[in-house]
Amino acid sequence: MSIVHVAARFAAHDALADPTKLLLMPALMLAVFWGWHRLGAPHARGLLLAGLLFSWLGDGAGTFFPLAPTLPLMLLFFGVAHLCYMRAFWQHLAVKKLSCWAFSFAAWWLVLVIVIGPRAGGLIIAVAMYGVVLGGTAALSTRCHPLVMCGGLFFLASDTILSFRIFALELMPDWTSGMVMLTYTVGQGLIAAGALLTVRRRAALAQGLRT
């Protein structure tokens, strides 16, 4: 589904890209639910599925809530999704200590606010707050499986590109429109895959200790 959607987005085929966008997160939720079968760790699974659910609401904010302002709703839904991921990364999926270079995301946030802030107008506070949870997700992903960490970085890249396309479009070439969804789908998929691998390894280890 991701391949179809991203190809349609790069081809500017909105008639195919728009509906397939709304199928991405439900498909990934189904994959997570199926792959997590009998693995336990219900809190981690619930947080991951909640993150995907709110990501789906963010993807379809304009479609699901046509009378509401789309961008603030997107920031709200994706902000909640990132909070779900942050808690999962910190409490349930961590496999190591926080990486020292995770603090570099504070510099990313500062650059984002400096560049986007003057262009964001009344949304500057919302954008800055969203940047905090987005950077926090990427930072906490450094405690997790390498696939989760890579997923967090791709998610960060996706929203960074999207921010520039929304507020500083004159700085972005046309092909970056497709890069938003390419990095987004890769990021979400890697987060889900890394979470599943983490839980499977823990389940296998627990089984081995019992036997």
C-alpha atoms as a PDB file:
ATOM      1  CA  MET A   1       0.000   0.000   0.000  1.00  0.00           C
ATOM      2  CA  SER A   2       2.872   2.334   0.802  1.00  0.00           C
ATOM      3  CA  ILE A   3       4.503   1.653  -2.561  1.00  0.00           C
ATOM      4  CA  VAL A   4       1.276   2.436  -4.404  1.00  0.00           C
ATOM      5  CA  HIS A   5       0.671   5.612  -2.444  1.00  0.00           C
ATOM      6  CA  VAL A   6       4.225   6.963  -2.654  1.00  0.00           C
ATOM      7  CA  ALA A   7       4.429   6.206  -6.385  1.00  0.00           C
ATOM      8  CA  ALA A   8       1.137   8.035  -6.900  1.00  0.00           C
ATOM      9  CA  ARG A   9       2.391  10.980  -4.832  1.00  0.00           C
ATOM     10  CA  PHE A  10       5.595  11.285  -6.869  1.00  0.00           C
ATOM     11  CA  ALA A  11       3.524  11.057 -10.050  1.00  0.00           C
ATOM     12  CA  ALA A  12       1.143  13.765  -8.744  1.00  0.00           C
ATOM     13  CA  HIS A  13      -1.738  11.345  -9.261  1.00  0.00           C
ATOM     14  CA  ASP A  14      -4.037  12.747  -6.577  1.00  0.00           C
ATOM     15  CA  ALA A  15      -6.959  10.539  -7.576  1.00  0.00           C
ATOM     16  CA  LEU A  16      -4.940   7.548  -6.366  1.00  0.00           C
ATOM     17  CA  ALA A  17      -2.744   9.199  -3.751  1.00  0.00           C
ATOM     18  CA  ASP A  18      -5.555  10.739  -1.680  1.00  0.00           C
ATOM     19  CA  PRO A  19      -7.599   7.579  -0.980  1.00  0.00           C
ATOM     20  CA  THR A  20      -4.566   5.319  -0.489  1.00  0.00           C
ATOM     21  CA  LYS A  21      -3.200   7.725   2.116  1.00  0.00           C
ATOM     22  CA  LEU A  22      -6.148   6.873   4.347  1.00  0.00           C
ATOM     23  CA  LEU A  23      -5.390   3.153   4.041  1.00  0.00           C
ATOM     24  CA  LEU A  24      -1.754   3.314   5.131  1.00  0.00           C
ATOM     25  CA  MET A  25      -2.093   3.373   8.913  1.00  0.00           C
ATOM     26  CA  PRO A  26      -5.050   0.931   9.071  1.00  0.00           C
ATOM     27  CA  ALA A  27      -2.966  -1.529   7.036  1.00  0.00           C
ATOM     28  CA  LEU A  28      -0.010  -1.092   9.384  1.00  0.00           C
ATOM     29  CA  MET A  29      -2.260  -1.418  12.433  1.00  0.00           C
ATOM     30  CA  LEU A  30      -3.556  -4.709  11.042  1.00  0.00           C
ATOM     31  CA  ALA A  31       0.012  -5.908  10.475  1.00  0.00           C
ATOM     32  CA  VAL A  32       1.006  -4.955  14.023  1.00  0.00           C
ATOM     33  CA  PHE A  33      -2.063  -6.596  15.516  1.00  0.00           C
ATOM     34  CA  TRP A  34      -1.446  -9.777  13.542  1.00  0.00           C
ATOM     35  CA  GLY A  35       2.302  -9.869  14.165  1.00  0.00           C
ATOM     36  CA  TRP A  36       1.894  -9.204  17.889  1.00  0.00           C
ATOM     37  CA  HIS A  37      -0.450 -12.170  18.336  1.00  0.00           C
ATOM     38  CA  ARG A  38       0.277 -14.005  21.611  1.00  0.00           C
ATOM     39  CA  LEU A  39       3.457 -12.021  22.283  1.00  0.00           C
ATOM     40  CA  GLY A  40       2.195 -10.356  25.437  1.00  0.00           C
ATOM     41  CA  ALA A  41       3.391  -6.839  26.325  1.00  0.00           C
ATOM     42  CA  PRO A  42      -0.125  -5.394  26.068  1.00  0.00           C
ATOM     43  CA  HIS A  43       0.917  -1.922  27.183  1.00  0.00           C
ATOM     44  CA  ALA A  44       3.552  -1.613  24.454  1.00  0.00           C
ATOM     45  CA  ARG A  45       1.108  -2.922  21.860  1.00  0.00           C
ATOM     46  CA  GLY A  46      -1.622  -0.555  23.029  1.00  0.00           C
ATOM     47  CA  LEU A  47       0.687   2.470  22.853  1.00  0.00           C
ATOM     48  CA  LEU A  48       1.955   1.524  19.410  1.00  0.00           C
ATOM     49  CA  LEU A  49      -1.555   0.986  18.078  1.00  0.00           C
ATOM     50  CA  ALA A  50      -2.690   4.255  19.665  1.00  0.00           C
ATOM     51  CA  GLY A  51       0.199   6.049  17.969  1.00  0.00           C
ATOM     52  CA  LEU A  52      -0.818   4.580  14.627  1.00  0.00           C
ATOM     53  CA  LEU A  53      -4.467   5.459  15.234  1.00  0.00           C
ATOM     54  CA  PHE A  54      -3.710   9.106  15.953  1.00  0.00           C
ATOM     55  CA  SER A  55      -1.321   9.178  13.000  1.00  0.00           C
ATOM     56  CA  TRP A  56      -4.215   7.993  10.840  1.00  0.00           C
ATOM     57  CA  LEU A  57      -6.407  10.777  12.217  1.00  0.00           C
ATOM     58  CA  GLY A  58      -3.623  13.220  11.405  1.00  0.00           C
ATOM     59  CA  ASP A  59      -3.351  11.839   7.873  1.00  0.00           C
ATOM     60  CA  GLY A  60      -7.077  12.288   7.331  1.00  0.00           C
ATOM     61  CA  ALA A  61      -7.705  15.437   9.375  1.00  0.00           C
ATOM     62  CA  GLY A  62      -8.913  17.389   6.367  1.00  0.00           C
ATOM     63  CA  THR A  63     -11.153  14.541   5.222  1.00  0.00           C
ATOM     64  CA  PHE A  64     -12.562  13.491   8.578  1.00  0.00           C
ATOM     65  CA  PHE A  65     -13.117  17.013   9.896  1.00  0.00           C
ATOM     66  CA  PRO A  66     -13.794  19.193   6.821  1.00  0.00           C
ATOM     67  CA  LEU A  67     -15.235  22.092   8.838  1.00  0.00           C
ATOM     68  CA  ALA A  68     -12.270  22.372  11.204  1.00  0.00           C
ATOM     69  CA  PRO A  69      -8.888  23.995  10.470  1.00  0.00           C
ATOM     70  CA  THR A  70      -6.758  21.196   9.053  1.00  0.00           C
ATOM     71  CA  LEU A  71      -3.248  22.172  10.118  1.00  0.00           C
ATOM     72  CA  PRO A  72      -3.978  22.655  13.856  1.00  0.00           C
ATOM     73  CA  LEU A  73      -5.809  19.323  13.889  1.00  0.00           C
ATOM     74  CA  MET A  74      -2.883  17.626  12.183  1.00  0.00           C
ATOM     75  CA  LEU A  75      -0.508  19.039  14.780  1.00  0.00           C
ATOM     76  CA  LEU A  76      -2.817  17.895  17.572  1.00  0.00           C
ATOM     77  CA  PHE A  77      -3.314  14.336  16.327  1.00  0.00           C
ATOM     78  CA  PHE A  78       0.315  13.761  15.408  1.00  0.00           C
ATOM     79  CA  GLY A  79       1.371  15.352  18.684  1.00  0.00           C
ATOM     80  CA  VAL A  80      -0.673  12.766  20.581  1.00  0.00           C
ATOM     81  CA  ALA A  81       0.775  10.026  18.372  1.00  0.00           C
ATOM     82  CA  HIS A  82       4.287  11.123  19.280  1.00  0.00           C
ATOM     83  CA  LEU A  83       3.422  11.169  22.975  1.00  0.00           C
ATOM     84  CA  CYS A  84       2.279   7.545  22.638  1.00  0.00           C
ATOM     85  CA  TYR A  85       5.525   6.614  20.912  1.00  0.00           C
ATOM     86  CA  MET A  86       7.603   8.475  23.480  1.00  0.00           C
ATOM     87  CA  ARG A  87       6.035   6.574  26.364  1.00  0.00           C
ATOM     88  CA  ALA A  88       6.425   3.259  24.544  1.00  0.00           C
ATOM     89  CA  PHE A  89      10.092   3.971  23.756  1.00  0.00           C
ATOM     90  CA  TRP A  90      10.858   5.059  27.306  1.00  0.00           C
ATOM     91  CA  GLN A  91       8.943   2.491  29.349  1.00  0.00           C
ATOM     92  CA  HIS A  92       8.361  -0.586  27.204  1.00  0.00           C
ATOM     93  CA  LEU A  93      10.681  -0.853  24.200  1.00  0.00           C
ATOM     94  CA  ALA A  94      14.004   0.465  25.485  1.00  0.00           C
ATOM     95  CA  VAL A  95      16.976  -1.905  25.146  1.00  0.00           C
ATOM     96  CA  LYS A  96      19.793   0.489  26.121  1.00  0.00           C
ATOM     97  CA  LYS A  97      20.515   3.835  27.695  1.00  0.00           C
ATOM     98  CA  LEU A  98      19.780   7.129  25.979  1.00  0.00           C
ATOM     99  CA  SER A  99      22.437   7.887  23.377  1.00  0.00           C
ATOM    100  CA  CYS A 100      24.612  10.943  23.985  1.00  0.00           C
ATOM    101  CA  TRP A 101      23.954  12.206  20.489  1.00  0.00           C
ATOM    102  CA  ALA A 102      20.214  12.232  21.199  1.00  0.00           C
ATOM    103  CA  PHE A 103      20.716  15.674  22.698  1.00  0.00           C
ATOM    104  CA  SER A 104      21.617  16.971  19.230  1.00  0.00           C
ATOM    105  CA  PHE A 105      17.900  17.043  18.485  1.00  0.00           C
ATOM    106  CA  ALA A 106      17.707  20.151  20.648  1.00  0.00           C
ATOM    107  CA  ALA A 107      19.824  21.884  17.991  1.00  0.00           C
ATOM    108  CA  TRP A 108      17.471  20.581  15.285  1.00  0.00           C
ATOM    109  CA  TRP A 109      14.515  22.046  17.181  1.00  0.00           C
ATOM    110  CA  LEU A 110      16.242  25.411  17.570  1.00  0.00           C
ATOM    111  CA  VAL A 111      17.019  25.612  13.841  1.00  0.00           C
ATOM    112  CA  LEU A 112      13.428  24.649  13.006  1.00  0.00           C
ATOM    113  CA  VAL A 113      12.007  27.387  15.219  1.00  0.00           C
ATOM    114  CA  ILE A 114      14.429  29.988  13.881  1.00  0.00           C
ATOM    115  CA  VAL A 115      13.637  29.210  10.237  1.00  0.00           C
ATOM    116  CA  ILE A 116       9.939  28.351  10.483  1.00  0.00           C
ATOM    117  CA  GLY A 117       8.970  30.644  13.360  1.00  0.00           C
ATOM    118  CA  PRO A 118       8.805  33.931  11.437  1.00  0.00           C
ATOM    119  CA  ARG A 119       6.705  32.238   8.760  1.00  0.00           C
ATOM    120  CA  ALA A 120       4.331  30.380  11.102  1.00  0.00           C
ATOM    121  CA  GLY A 121       2.485  33.457  12.354  1.00  0.00           C
ATOM    122  CA  GLY A 122      -0.084  32.576  14.997  1.00  0.00           C
ATOM    123  CA  LEU A 123       0.850  28.893  14.794  1.00  0.00           C
ATOM    124  CA  ILE A 124       4.370  29.446  16.106  1.00  0.00           C
ATOM    125  CA  ILE A 125       3.581  28.121  19.596  1.00  0.00           C
ATOM    126  CA  ALA A 126       1.828  25.035  18.216  1.00  0.00           C
ATOM    127  CA  VAL A 127       4.678  24.384  15.779  1.00  0.00           C
ATOM    128  CA  ALA A 128       7.277  24.802  18.526  1.00  0.00           C
ATOM    129  CA  MET A 129       5.420  22.445  20.862  1.00  0.00           C
ATOM    130  CA  TYR A 130       4.984  19.895  18.106  1.00  0.00           C
ATOM    131  CA  GLY A 131       8.699  20.172  17.393  1.00  0.00           C
ATOM    132  CA  VAL A 132       9.415  19.285  21.019  1.00  0.00           C
ATOM    133  CA  VAL A 133       7.451  16.021  20.899  1.00  0.00           C
ATOM    134  CA  LEU A 134       8.751  15.195  17.419  1.00  0.00           C
ATOM    135  CA  GLY A 135      12.349  15.698  18.526  1.00  0.00           C
ATOM    136  CA  GLY A 136      11.557  13.841  21.750  1.00  0.00           C
ATOM    137  CA  THR A 137      10.342  10.824  19.784  1.00  0.00           C
ATOM    138  CA  ALA A 138      13.535  10.770  17.733  1.00  0.00           C
ATOM    139  CA  ALA A 139      15.683  11.208  20.853  1.00  0.00           C
ATOM    140  CA  LEU A 140      13.980   8.440  22.823  1.00  0.00           C
ATOM    141  CA  SER A 141      14.112   6.121  19.807  1.00  0.00           C
ATOM    142  CA  THR A 142      17.893   5.976  20.362  1.00  0.00           C
ATOM    143  CA  ARG A 143      17.140   3.775  23.410  1.00  0.00           C
ATOM    144  CA  CYS A 144      15.414   1.180  21.245  1.00  0.00           C
ATOM    145  CA  HIS A 145      16.114  -1.426  18.597  1.00  0.00           C
ATOM    146  CA  PRO A 146      18.086   0.026  15.643  1.00  0.00           C
ATOM    147  CA  LEU A 147      15.017  -0.325  13.417  1.00  0.00           C
ATOM    148  CA  VAL A 148      12.975   1.782  15.835  1.00  0.00           C
ATOM    149  CA  MET A 149      15.744   4.361  15.950  1.00  0.00           C
ATOM    150  CA  CYS A 150      15.900   4.539  12.149  1.00  0.00           C
ATOM    151  CA  GLY A 151      12.110   4.823  12.069  1.00  0.00           C
ATOM    152  CA  GLY A 152      12.232   7.747  14.472  1.00  0.00           C
ATOM    153  CA  LEU A 153      14.801   9.492  12.275  1.00  0.00           C
ATOM    154  CA  PHE A 154      12.744   8.942   9.121  1.00  0.00           C
ATOM    155  CA  PHE A 155       9.646  10.278  10.912  1.00  0.00           C
ATOM    156  CA  LEU A 156      11.657  13.325  11.951  1.00  0.00           C
ATOM    157  CA  ALA A 157      12.815  13.818   8.368  1.00  0.00           C
ATOM    158  CA  SER A 158       9.262  13.519   7.057  1.00  0.00           C
ATOM    159  CA  ASP A 159       7.813  16.161   9.354  1.00  0.00           C
ATOM    160  CA  THR A 160      10.798  18.437   8.815  1.00  0.00           C
ATOM    161  CA  ILE A 161      10.279  18.334   5.056  1.00  0.00           C
ATOM    162  CA  LEU A 162       6.541  18.825   5.541  1.00  0.00           C
ATOM    163  CA  SER A 163       7.115  21.836   7.805  1.00  0.00           C
ATOM    164  CA  PHE A 164       9.260  23.505   5.184  1.00  0.00           C
ATOM    165  CA  ARG A 165       6.744  22.705   2.465  1.00  0.00           C
ATOM    166  CA  ILE A 166       3.952  24.271   4.521  1.00  0.00           C
ATOM    167  CA  PHE A 167       5.744  27.368   5.753  1.00  0.00           C
ATOM    168  CA  ALA A 168       8.705  27.843   3.397  1.00  0.00           C
ATOM    169  CA  LEU A 169       7.585  26.317   0.111  1.00  0.00           C
ATOM    170  CA  GLU A 170       9.842  28.649  -1.860  1.00  0.00           C
ATOM    171  CA  LEU A 171      12.829  26.794  -0.425  1.00  0.00           C
ATOM    172  CA  MET A 172      11.608  23.340  -1.436  1.00  0.00           C
ATOM    173  CA  PRO A 173      11.768  21.751  -4.914  1.00  0.00           C
ATOM    174  CA  ASP A 174       8.682  19.999  -6.243  1.00  0.00           C
ATOM    175  CA  TRP A 175      10.055  16.486  -5.733  1.00  0.00           C
ATOM    176  CA  THR A 176      10.062  16.971  -1.968  1.00  0.00           C
ATOM    177  CA  SER A 177       6.279  16.505  -1.999  1.00  0.00           C
ATOM    178  CA  GLY A 178       6.793  12.789  -2.589  1.00  0.00           C
ATOM    179  CA  MET A 179       9.636  12.660  -0.065  1.00  0.00           C
ATOM    180  CA  VAL A 180       7.241  13.609   2.729  1.00  0.00           C
ATOM    181  CA  MET A 181       5.273  10.395   2.351  1.00  0.00           C
ATOM    182  CA  LEU A 182       8.261   8.244   1.405  1.00  0.00           C
ATOM    183  CA  THR A 183      10.063   9.069   4.647  1.00  0.00           C
ATOM    184  CA  TYR A 184       6.791   8.907   6.610  1.00  0.00           C
ATOM    185  CA  THR A 185       5.817   5.414   5.484  1.00  0.00           C
ATOM    186  CA  VAL A 186       9.353   4.111   5.935  1.00  0.00           C
ATOM    187  CA  GLY A 187       9.526   5.670   9.394  1.00  0.00           C
ATOM    188  CA  GLN A 188       6.227   4.260  10.607  1.00  0.00           C
ATOM    189  CA  GLY A 189       7.001   0.849   9.167  1.00  0.00           C
ATOM    190  CA  LEU A 190      10.429   0.674  10.802  1.00  0.00           C
ATOM    191  CA  ILE A 191       9.053   1.727  14.175  1.00  0.00           C
ATOM    192  CA  ALA A 192       6.447  -1.037  14.003  1.00  0.00           C
ATOM    193  CA  ALA A 193       8.952  -3.639  12.793  1.00  0.00           C
ATOM    194  CA  GLY A 194      11.497  -2.745  15.453  1.00  0.00           C
ATOM    195  CA  ALA A 195       8.866  -2.879  18.180  1.00  0.00           C
ATOM    196  CA  LEU A 196       7.743  -6.326  17.043  1.00  0.00           C
ATOM    197  CA  LEU A 197      11.315  -7.632  16.959  1.00  0.00           C
ATOM    198  CA  THR A 198      11.962  -6.299  20.449  1.00  0.00           C
ATOM    199  CA  VAL A 199       8.895  -7.966  21.911  1.00  0.00           C
ATOM    200  CA  ARG A 200       9.536 -11.230  20.058  1.00  0.00           C
ATOM    201  CA  ARG A 201      13.094 -11.422  21.365  1.00  0.00           C
ATOM    202  CA  ARG A 202      11.918 -10.780  24.919  1.00  0.00           C
ATOM    203  CA  ALA A 203       9.215 -13.421  24.547  1.00  0.00           C
ATOM    204  CA  ALA A 204      11.759 -15.929  23.194  1.00  0.00           C
ATOM    205  CA  LEU A 205      14.149 -15.131  26.031  1.00  0.00           C
ATOM    206  CA  ALA A 206      11.416 -15.551  28.618  1.00  0.00           C
ATOM    207  CA  GLN A 207      10.406 -18.864  27.046  1.00  0.00           C
ATOM    208  CA  GLY A 208      14.008 -20.043  27.117  1.00  0.00           C
ATOM    209  CA  LEU A 209      14.368 -19.148  30.786  1.00  0.00           C
ATOM    210  CA  ARG A 210      11.182 -21.056  31.611  1.00  0.00           C
ATOM    211  CA  THR A 211      12.429 -24.168  29.847  1.00  0.00           C
END
